Every structure is written in C-alpha cells, then in structure tokens.
Amino acid sequence: MKGPITFAPMLIDHYAILGLPPSASVSEIKSAYRSMARQHHPDLNPQDPGAIDRFRAIHTAYQTLTHPSLKQAYLEKRWYAQHQYQSLQSKALSFEQLLKQLVELERFVATLDPHRMDRNGLHQHLLQCIELLKQVNIDSFSQQQEIESSLQLIVACSEPLTFVQAKSIHERLYPWLNKLDRSELLSIAWLTKKKNQETWQRWTPWIVFALTTLITVWIWKSA
C-alpha cells in the first residue's frame, strides 16, 4: 500500500430524488415535491415498507433545496463531490441498505493499518452515515436489536479514530443512544477506553525515556 486509504463521502442527490435537473427553479421544486409527496405518502401506501424512507428522502430534498442556507451548503458539497469524481446517492436509502453498508465498512476498516489510514476521511464518512441514519424512520422498527446493531457498527468503525473524532461521533449518536437501554453507558465506556489509550500512548515515550535514564544512572553509579 503506497498511500493512506481514503473514504469517499456519500452525498444524496436531492435533485434526482425529486426527478429534477440541477437547473430547476423553486416553483418547479415545490411542484415536484407536492406531486411526489402525494404519490409516496406512507398513509397512501400502507403495504409498501419502503414508502416511509422514500417520503422522508423527498421531504429532506424539498427542505434542502428550498431553504437558502441549506441549499447553498448542499450545492457546495455537490460541486466538491462531482469534482472529486464521487458518485451521488440518487435514491432513498432504506435501513437494510444502510445496515449492509455499515457491515461492509466495518469489515473494511478492520483490514486497514491504523498508522496509515485516512482518519479524517473515515470520520467524515461516518458522520455522513449518521446523517443518512437520521432520514430512516427508526420508530417504525419493532426490533430494537436492529437499531443497536447499526449503532454498534458505527462505534466499531470509530475504533481507529482519535478521541476528539470519536467524541463527535458519540455526540451525534446521543439521540439514539438515549433511547436504548444500556447503550449510552456502553458508549461512554468506549469513549473512556479511547481516551485512556491515547493518554497512555502520549506518555509512553516519556515513561520509557525516564526508565532508561534511571537505569543508565544506576549502571553508571554501580560501575
């Protein structure tokens, strides 16, 4: 491996979700939103388990593209992604798809050399996974274990990160951790372990130096 592994960020293509070109006007965005919101509303599609995810993606796309500051920030990210030849996510991401991506990411991270990997890239990638998780209707899932699995995978992928980066991941996971039994305590224990590891790594060279000096002085005096 000649260089650090990089992690391409995932960016939702809000225009594609609404079936519009990037040149669409505000009125066209509103018209497309009204049409698609009616078509994919969960109340009108009770037998379709993916309707909730599609409706949330449509609503998020509408909010992003009609709010000036949100749209400006999104267009900047979109421009950067395209110039980095990164693909855009053009459809609503289901909970199952997100969970599958996290499983694959966790396996991939486990194969990397922690001393050569792109921690900043991984950190940004995980933050975007959390943003995608926000678009999933968590309350619609009856099995708590599935939700815990996704959170545990994010925590596992955060293992190579620095304490500051890992703490930012925890802060964004807090809304979910606060709802789950014992998950918040487990996450705090994980953060404490991470901080202790970094503290030990920071002081180890000094401890070794001090011990070496003491041994050298003892040998010199004993000679």
Protein backbone atom coordinates (compact mmCIF):
# COMPACT_ATOMS: atom_id res chain seq x y z
CA MET A 1 0.00 0.00 0.00
CA LYS A 2 1.61 3.24 -1.14
CA GLY A 3 -0.62 5.78 0.49
CA PRO A 4 -3.37 6.19 3.05
CA ILE A 5 -6.78 4.74 2.38
CA THR A 6 -9.37 7.41 1.62
CA PHE A 7 -13.09 7.17 2.21
CA ALA A 8 -15.37 8.69 -0.42
CA PRO A 9 -18.22 10.57 1.25
CA MET A 10 -21.79 9.73 0.35
CA LEU A 11 -23.91 12.60 -0.84
CA ILE A 12 -27.62 12.42 -1.55
CA ASP A 13 -28.65 13.73 -4.98
CA HIS A 14 -31.70 15.71 -3.90
CA TYR A 15 -32.46 16.79 -7.46
CA ALA A 16 -32.54 13.19 -8.70
CA ILE A 17 -34.82 12.19 -5.81
CA LEU A 18 -37.33 14.84 -6.95
CA GLY A 19 -36.81 13.90 -10.59
CA LEU A 20 -35.45 17.34 -11.46
CA PRO A 21 -32.35 18.75 -13.17
CA PRO A 22 -29.96 20.95 -11.11
CA SER A 23 -31.28 23.97 -13.03
CA ALA A 24 -34.81 23.54 -11.60
CA SER A 25 -36.45 26.67 -10.22
CA VAL A 26 -38.03 26.98 -6.77
CA SER A 27 -41.51 26.72 -8.26
CA GLU A 28 -40.54 23.53 -10.11
CA ILE A 29 -39.10 22.08 -6.90
CA LYS A 30 -42.30 22.85 -4.99
CA SER A 31 -44.47 21.38 -7.75
CA ALA A 32 -42.40 18.18 -7.91
CA TYR A 33 -42.46 17.86 -4.12
CA ARG A 34 -46.26 18.16 -3.91
CA SER A 35 -46.70 15.54 -6.64
CA MET A 36 -44.20 13.04 -5.22
CA ALA A 37 -45.26 13.58 -1.60
CA ARG A 38 -48.82 12.63 -2.51
CA GLN A 39 -47.63 9.64 -4.52
CA HIS A 40 -45.31 8.22 -1.87
CA HIS A 41 -47.09 9.24 1.34
CA PRO A 42 -46.98 6.29 3.80
CA ASP A 43 -50.70 6.64 4.56
CA LEU A 44 -51.47 6.03 0.89
CA ASN A 45 -49.05 3.10 0.66
CA PRO A 46 -49.68 1.06 3.83
CA GLN A 47 -48.46 -2.17 2.20
CA ASP A 48 -45.18 -0.71 0.95
CA PRO A 49 -42.43 -0.89 3.64
CA GLY A 50 -40.18 1.43 1.62
CA ALA A 51 -42.73 4.25 1.39
CA ILE A 52 -41.63 5.83 4.68
CA ASP A 53 -37.98 6.02 3.60
CA ARG A 54 -38.89 7.45 0.18
CA PHE A 55 -41.22 10.02 1.72
CA ARG A 56 -38.57 11.13 4.19
CA ALA A 57 -35.99 11.44 1.37
CA ILE A 58 -38.43 13.51 -0.68
CA HIS A 59 -39.20 15.78 2.27
CA THR A 60 -35.49 16.22 3.08
CA ALA A 61 -34.74 17.04 -0.57
CA TYR A 62 -37.53 19.64 -0.61
CA GLN A 63 -36.38 21.26 2.63
CA THR A 64 -32.76 21.38 1.50
CA LEU A 65 -33.44 22.84 -1.95
CA THR A 66 -35.94 25.48 -0.82
CA HIS A 67 -34.06 26.78 2.24
CA PRO A 68 -31.42 29.31 1.03
CA SER A 69 -28.64 28.50 3.50
CA LEU A 70 -29.22 24.73 3.35
CA LYS A 71 -29.27 24.84 -0.44
CA GLN A 72 -26.04 26.87 -0.60
CA ALA A 73 -24.24 24.43 1.69
CA TYR A 74 -25.60 21.47 -0.29
CA LEU A 75 -24.55 22.92 -3.66
CA GLU A 76 -21.03 23.45 -2.34
CA LYS A 77 -20.83 19.82 -1.22
CA ARG A 78 -22.33 18.68 -4.52
CA TRP A 79 -19.81 20.69 -6.53
CA TYR A 80 -16.93 19.28 -4.49
CA ALA A 81 -18.20 15.69 -4.82
CA GLN A 82 -18.52 15.97 -8.58
CA HIS A 83 -15.04 17.44 -8.96
CA GLN A 84 -13.68 14.57 -6.88
CA TYR A 85 -15.45 12.09 -9.20
CA GLN A 86 -17.60 10.83 -6.35
CA SER A 87 -20.95 9.24 -7.09
CA LEU A 88 -24.17 10.68 -5.67
CA GLN A 89 -26.82 8.63 -3.88
CA SER A 90 -29.86 9.06 -6.11
CA LYS A 91 -32.49 7.15 -4.18
CA ALA A 92 -33.80 6.87 -0.65
CA LEU A 93 -31.62 4.65 1.48
CA SER A 94 -33.50 2.01 3.42
CA PHE A 95 -32.49 0.89 6.89
CA GLU A 96 -31.46 -2.51 5.49
CA GLN A 97 -29.22 -0.89 2.85
CA LEU A 98 -27.59 1.38 5.40
CA LEU A 99 -27.00 -1.54 7.76
CA LYS A 100 -25.42 -3.53 4.90
CA GLN A 101 -23.11 -0.61 4.07
CA LEU A 102 -22.06 -0.34 7.72
CA VAL A 103 -21.30 -4.08 7.88
CA GLU A 104 -19.11 -3.80 4.78
CA LEU A 105 -17.40 -0.68 6.13
CA GLU A 106 -16.67 -2.33 9.49
CA ARG A 107 -15.06 -5.31 7.73
CA PHE A 108 -13.03 -3.00 5.52
CA VAL A 109 -11.80 -0.82 8.40
CA ALA A 110 -10.72 -3.95 10.28
CA THR A 111 -8.26 -4.76 7.45
CA LEU A 112 -6.55 -1.35 7.45
CA ASP A 113 -3.26 -0.36 9.02
CA PRO A 114 -4.27 2.18 11.72
CA HIS A 115 -0.96 4.01 11.25
CA ARG A 116 -1.51 4.61 7.52
CA MET A 117 -5.25 5.06 7.20
CA ASP A 118 -7.10 8.29 6.47
CA ARG A 119 -8.70 9.02 9.85
CA ASN A 120 -10.18 12.32 8.74
CA GLY A 121 -11.77 10.66 5.74
CA LEU A 122 -13.20 7.86 7.88
CA HIS A 123 -14.51 10.41 10.39
CA GLN A 124 -16.33 12.39 7.68
CA HIS A 125 -17.67 9.17 6.16
CA LEU A 126 -19.15 8.05 9.49
CA LEU A 127 -20.69 11.48 10.07
CA GLN A 128 -22.46 11.17 6.73
CA CYS A 129 -23.63 7.66 7.63
CA ILE A 130 -25.20 9.19 10.75
CA GLU A 131 -26.87 11.87 8.63
CA LEU A 132 -28.34 9.12 6.46
CA LEU A 133 -29.46 7.30 9.59
CA LYS A 134 -31.42 10.40 10.58
CA GLN A 135 -33.52 10.00 7.45
CA VAL A 136 -34.60 6.50 8.44
CA ASN A 137 -37.81 6.24 10.42
CA ILE A 138 -36.32 4.45 13.42
CA ASP A 139 -39.61 4.42 15.31
CA SER A 140 -41.11 2.20 12.62
CA PHE A 141 -38.86 -0.73 13.53
CA SER A 142 -40.18 -3.02 16.21
CA GLN A 143 -36.90 -4.86 16.84
CA GLN A 144 -34.55 -2.80 18.97
CA GLN A 145 -31.69 -5.16 18.17
CA GLU A 146 -31.54 -3.94 14.56
CA ILE A 147 -31.11 -0.34 15.68
CA GLU A 148 -28.48 -1.32 18.23
CA SER A 149 -26.60 -3.24 15.53
CA SER A 150 -26.26 -0.15 13.35
CA LEU A 151 -25.04 1.94 16.29
CA GLN A 152 -22.57 -0.74 17.37
CA LEU A 153 -21.19 -0.93 13.83
CA ILE A 154 -20.62 2.84 13.77
CA VAL A 155 -18.86 2.61 17.13
CA ALA A 156 -16.74 -0.31 15.85
CA CYS A 157 -15.76 1.67 12.74
CA SER A 158 -14.80 4.57 15.02
CA GLU A 159 -12.18 2.49 16.85
CA PRO A 160 -9.17 3.84 14.84
CA LEU A 161 -10.28 7.47 15.27
CA THR A 162 -8.77 9.93 17.72
CA PHE A 163 -10.57 10.67 20.97
CA VAL A 164 -11.83 14.04 19.65
CA GLN A 165 -13.18 12.46 16.47
CA ALA A 166 -14.74 9.56 18.38
CA LYS A 167 -16.36 12.01 20.80
CA SER A 168 -18.00 13.88 17.93
CA ILE A 169 -19.41 10.58 16.67
CA HIS A 170 -20.83 9.86 20.14
CA GLU A 171 -22.42 13.31 20.37
CA ARG A 172 -24.28 12.76 17.11
CA LEU A 173 -25.38 9.28 18.17
CA TYR A 174 -26.69 10.54 21.51
CA PRO A 175 -30.35 10.97 20.38
CA TRP A 176 -30.46 7.24 19.61
CA LEU A 177 -28.26 6.12 22.49
CA ASN A 178 -30.52 7.97 24.90
CA LYS A 179 -33.48 5.83 23.78
CA LEU A 180 -31.79 2.46 24.13
CA ASP A 181 -31.23 0.53 27.34
CA ARG A 182 -27.55 0.44 28.42
CA SER A 183 -26.33 1.67 25.02
CA GLU A 184 -25.38 5.10 26.34
CA LEU A 185 -23.35 3.56 29.17
CA LEU A 186 -21.60 1.25 26.73
CA SER A 187 -20.73 4.21 24.52
CA ILE A 188 -19.37 6.20 27.46
CA ALA A 189 -17.22 3.21 28.44
CA TRP A 190 -15.97 3.07 24.86
CA LEU A 191 -15.04 6.76 24.94
CA THR A 192 -13.28 6.37 28.30
CA LYS A 193 -11.25 3.48 26.92
CA LYS A 194 -10.34 5.53 23.86
CA LYS A 195 -9.20 8.48 25.99
CA ASN A 196 -7.15 6.22 28.27
CA GLN A 197 -5.47 4.61 25.26
CA GLU A 198 -4.46 7.98 23.83
CA THR A 199 -3.21 9.16 27.23
CA TRP A 200 -1.08 6.04 27.61
CA GLN A 201 0.29 6.38 24.07
CA ARG A 202 1.15 10.03 24.68
CA TRP A 203 3.03 9.32 27.93
CA THR A 204 4.68 6.02 26.94
CA PRO A 205 7.73 7.63 25.23
CA TRP A 206 8.34 9.80 28.29
CA ILE A 207 8.00 6.84 30.67
CA VAL A 208 10.43 4.80 28.56
CA PHE A 209 12.84 7.73 28.47
CA ALA A 210 12.63 8.19 32.26
CA LEU A 211 13.18 4.48 32.92
CA THR A 212 16.09 4.35 30.50
CA THR A 213 17.67 7.37 32.19
CA LEU A 214 17.25 5.86 35.65
CA ILE A 215 18.76 2.55 34.54
CA THR A 216 21.65 4.35 32.87
CA VAL A 217 22.35 6.42 36.01
CA TRP A 218 22.12 3.30 38.21
CA ILE A 219 24.58 1.43 35.99
CA TRP A 220 26.93 4.42 35.94
CA LYS A 221 26.89 4.71 39.73
CA SER A 222 27.32 0.97 40.18
CA ALA A 223 30.34 0.82 37.87
